[in-house]
Protein backbone atom coordinates (compact mmCIF):
# COMPACT_ATOMS: atom_id res chain seq x y z
CA MET A 1 74.86 106.55 13.88
CA ASP A 2 77.80 107.45 16.13
CA ALA A 3 76.67 109.58 19.05
CA SER A 4 80.21 110.56 20.07
CA PRO A 5 80.88 114.27 20.23
CA SER A 6 82.85 116.04 17.58
CA PRO A 7 86.34 117.21 18.53
CA GLY A 8 86.14 120.24 20.76
CA GLU A 9 82.83 119.34 22.41
CA HIS A 10 82.71 118.39 26.05
CA ASN A 11 81.82 114.78 26.52
CA SER A 12 79.07 114.07 29.06
CA GLU A 13 80.54 110.59 29.56
CA ARG A 14 83.36 112.25 31.47
CA ARG A 15 81.15 112.79 34.46
CA CYS A 16 81.41 110.15 37.12
CA ASN A 17 77.95 108.71 37.61
CA LYS A 18 78.98 106.13 40.18
CA PRO A 19 77.80 106.71 43.73
CA VAL A 20 81.32 106.84 45.22
CA ALA A 21 80.34 109.58 47.63
CA ASN A 22 77.45 107.45 48.87
CA ILE A 23 79.74 104.49 49.48
CA VAL A 24 82.21 106.68 51.37
CA ALA A 25 79.36 108.12 53.45
CA VAL A 26 78.03 104.66 54.32
CA VAL A 27 81.48 103.44 55.37
CA MET A 28 81.95 106.58 57.47
CA LEU A 29 78.60 105.99 59.18
CA LEU A 30 79.60 102.39 59.89
CA ILE A 31 82.88 103.58 61.41
CA TYR A 32 81.07 106.08 63.61
CA ALA A 33 78.46 103.46 64.58
CA ALA A 34 81.25 101.07 65.59
CA CYS A 35 82.92 103.83 67.63
CA PHE A 36 79.61 104.68 69.36
CA TYR A 37 79.03 101.01 70.09
CA TYR A 38 82.51 100.70 71.59
CA VAL A 39 82.10 103.79 73.77
CA TYR A 40 78.57 103.14 75.00
CA SER A 41 78.70 99.37 75.35
CA GLY A 42 81.49 99.57 77.88
CA ALA A 43 83.30 96.78 76.08
CA GLU A 44 87.07 96.91 76.41
CA ILE A 45 88.57 95.78 73.16
CA ALA A 46 92.36 95.73 73.38
CA TRP A 47 93.11 97.43 70.07
CA CYS A 48 90.43 100.08 70.68
CA SER A 49 91.91 100.89 74.07
CA ALA A 50 95.35 101.22 72.50
CA PHE A 51 93.93 103.27 69.62
CA LYS A 52 92.16 105.77 71.85
CA ALA A 53 95.45 106.38 73.68
CA VAL A 54 97.11 107.51 70.42
CA ALA A 55 94.03 108.83 68.61
CA PHE A 56 95.23 112.43 68.52
CA GLU A 57 98.61 111.45 67.08
CA VAL A 58 96.94 109.20 64.50
CA LEU A 59 94.53 111.99 63.57
CA SER A 60 97.45 114.42 63.16
CA CYS A 61 99.31 112.01 60.87
CA CYS A 62 96.23 111.14 58.81
CA ALA A 63 95.13 114.75 58.40
CA GLY A 64 98.61 116.00 57.57
CA THR A 65 99.26 113.27 55.02
CA ALA A 66 95.86 113.70 53.37
CA LEU A 67 96.41 117.45 53.19
CA LEU A 68 99.85 117.07 51.59
CA LEU A 69 98.63 114.46 49.09
CA THR A 70 95.71 116.63 48.04
CA LEU A 71 97.88 119.72 47.64
CA TYR A 72 100.47 117.77 45.65
CA ASN A 73 97.81 116.40 43.30
CA LYS A 74 96.32 119.86 42.84
CA ILE A 75 99.72 121.28 41.92
CA LEU A 76 100.26 118.49 39.37
CA LEU A 77 96.84 119.01 37.80
CA ASP A 78 97.19 122.81 37.71
CA ARG A 79 100.62 122.60 36.07
CA PHE A 80 99.34 120.17 33.47
CA TYR A 81 96.30 122.31 32.71
CA GLN A 82 98.38 125.47 32.36
CA ALA A 83 100.84 123.71 30.04
CA THR A 84 98.13 121.87 28.11
CA PRO A 85 94.85 123.79 27.82
CA LYS A 86 93.87 121.48 24.94
CA ILE A 87 94.88 117.94 23.96
CA THR A 88 96.63 118.39 20.62
CA HIS A 89 99.14 115.51 20.53
CA HIS A 90 99.50 111.98 21.84
CA GLN A 91 102.35 113.36 23.98
CA ASP A 92 99.79 115.42 25.91
CA ILE A 93 97.97 112.26 26.93
CA ALA A 94 101.29 110.54 27.67
CA ALA A 95 102.17 113.47 29.97
CA LEU A 96 98.81 113.16 31.73
CA LYS A 97 99.08 109.43 32.44
CA PRO A 98 101.65 109.67 35.29
CA ILE A 99 99.56 112.42 36.89
CA VAL A 100 96.43 110.27 36.68
CA ARG A 101 98.35 107.28 38.06
CA ILE A 102 99.57 109.31 41.05
CA ASN A 103 96.06 110.70 41.53
CA MET A 104 94.50 107.25 41.55
CA TYR A 105 96.96 105.83 44.08
CA SER A 106 96.66 108.99 46.19
CA SER A 107 92.87 108.67 46.18
CA LEU A 108 93.07 105.16 47.58
CA LEU A 109 95.52 106.27 50.25
CA ASN A 110 93.33 109.28 51.06
CA LEU A 111 90.33 106.97 51.54
CA LEU A 112 92.31 104.88 54.01
CA LEU A 113 93.49 108.04 55.78
CA LEU A 114 89.93 109.34 55.83
CA TYR A 115 88.58 106.18 57.44
CA VAL A 116 91.34 105.83 60.02
CA GLY A 117 91.25 109.58 60.63
CA ALA A 118 87.49 109.47 61.18
CA ALA A 119 87.86 106.92 63.95
CA ALA A 120 90.80 108.88 65.39
CA ALA A 121 88.76 112.09 65.27
CA PHE A 122 85.87 110.39 67.07
CA PHE A 123 88.11 109.12 69.88
CA THR A 124 89.93 112.45 70.07
CA LEU A 125 86.66 114.37 70.36
CA TYR A 126 85.23 111.93 72.90
CA TYR A 127 88.23 111.31 75.16
CA GLN A 128 90.31 114.48 74.88
CA THR A 129 89.78 118.07 75.93
CA GLY A 130 91.32 121.39 74.97
CA TYR A 131 93.88 121.63 72.20
CA PRO A 132 93.35 118.15 70.69
CA VAL A 133 89.61 118.78 70.27
CA LEU A 134 90.22 122.19 68.73
CA PHE A 135 92.81 120.65 66.39
CA ALA A 136 90.42 117.85 65.36
CA VAL A 137 87.69 120.34 64.46
CA LEU A 138 90.14 122.67 62.71
CA MET A 139 91.79 119.92 60.65
CA THR A 140 88.44 118.47 59.61
CA THR A 141 87.36 121.91 58.43
CA VAL A 142 90.65 122.60 56.63
CA LEU A 143 90.58 119.21 54.87
CA SER A 144 87.00 119.80 53.73
CA LEU A 145 87.93 123.20 52.32
CA VAL A 146 91.06 121.88 50.58
CA MET A 147 89.07 119.04 49.00
CA LYS A 148 86.50 121.55 47.79
CA TRP A 149 89.34 123.70 46.41
CA TYR A 150 90.94 120.67 44.70
CA THR A 151 87.83 119.42 42.88
CA PRO A 152 87.65 122.17 40.22
CA ALA A 153 91.28 121.49 39.19
CA GLU A 154 90.45 117.84 38.57
CA SER A 155 87.25 118.74 36.73
CA ARG A 156 89.08 121.19 34.44
CA VAL A 157 91.52 118.49 33.34
CA LYS A 158 88.73 115.97 32.83
CA GLN A 159 86.89 118.41 30.57
CA LEU A 160 89.80 119.23 28.25
CA THR A 161 88.99 119.17 24.56
CA CYS A 162 90.86 117.24 21.89
CA ASP A 163 91.92 118.19 18.38
CA ASN A 164 90.68 115.04 16.66
CA ALA A 165 88.61 111.90 17.12
CA ALA A 166 91.64 109.64 17.69
CA LEU A 167 92.87 111.82 20.56
CA GLU A 168 89.32 112.08 21.91
CA HIS A 169 89.04 108.27 21.95
CA GLU A 170 92.40 107.84 23.70
CA PHE A 171 91.60 110.62 26.19
CA ASN A 172 88.18 109.14 26.96
CA ALA A 173 89.76 105.72 27.58
CA LEU A 174 92.15 107.31 30.08
CA LEU A 175 89.32 109.22 31.75
CA ASN A 176 87.16 106.10 31.90
CA CYS A 177 89.92 104.34 33.82
CA TRP A 178 90.41 107.38 36.07
CA LEU A 179 86.71 107.69 36.85
CA ASN A 180 85.71 104.05 37.15
CA ASN A 181 88.69 101.97 38.27
CA ALA A 182 90.39 101.84 41.63
CA LEU A 183 93.81 101.14 40.11
CA PRO A 184 95.30 102.39 36.85
CA ASN A 185 95.22 99.78 34.08
CA PHE A 186 96.90 101.82 31.36
CA LYS A 187 100.52 101.92 30.30
């Protein structure tokens, strides 16, 4: 017996069950551990010394780029959702594919920015005073709030309903790629 939902039902398979957040958290902890080791060991590593000299500028670039990418993706998802509150044609899925592609590439870039920005934030907080420290705390807070604001837009699109089983199958294949692959493998 086929356990797939009938058209119009939300599909529980659309929820990402992979521990991506745990992996990100572990990598962040490793980055902070490496930064602590560098600072408290007294070791002078050439690239770390150069990095701490430009940490505030790197943090500014990373935070600004991540903020713009997230806002851009939210705008794309909101526009799609407003124009397509339900998947009724194959053209709806075709219109969603470029948005998903951009989202997937942006997510990878945001991860890189997050990791580099985390190290930059650490060095900024440790070696700077005044405005750079305030900026580091403010940008971290703003990015967290924007990410929290972005998540419902992505969830709404992922939970769209379809008119028939063929569209549901095609939509689920796209969502499976979006949720489980690092790079888009659809045309």
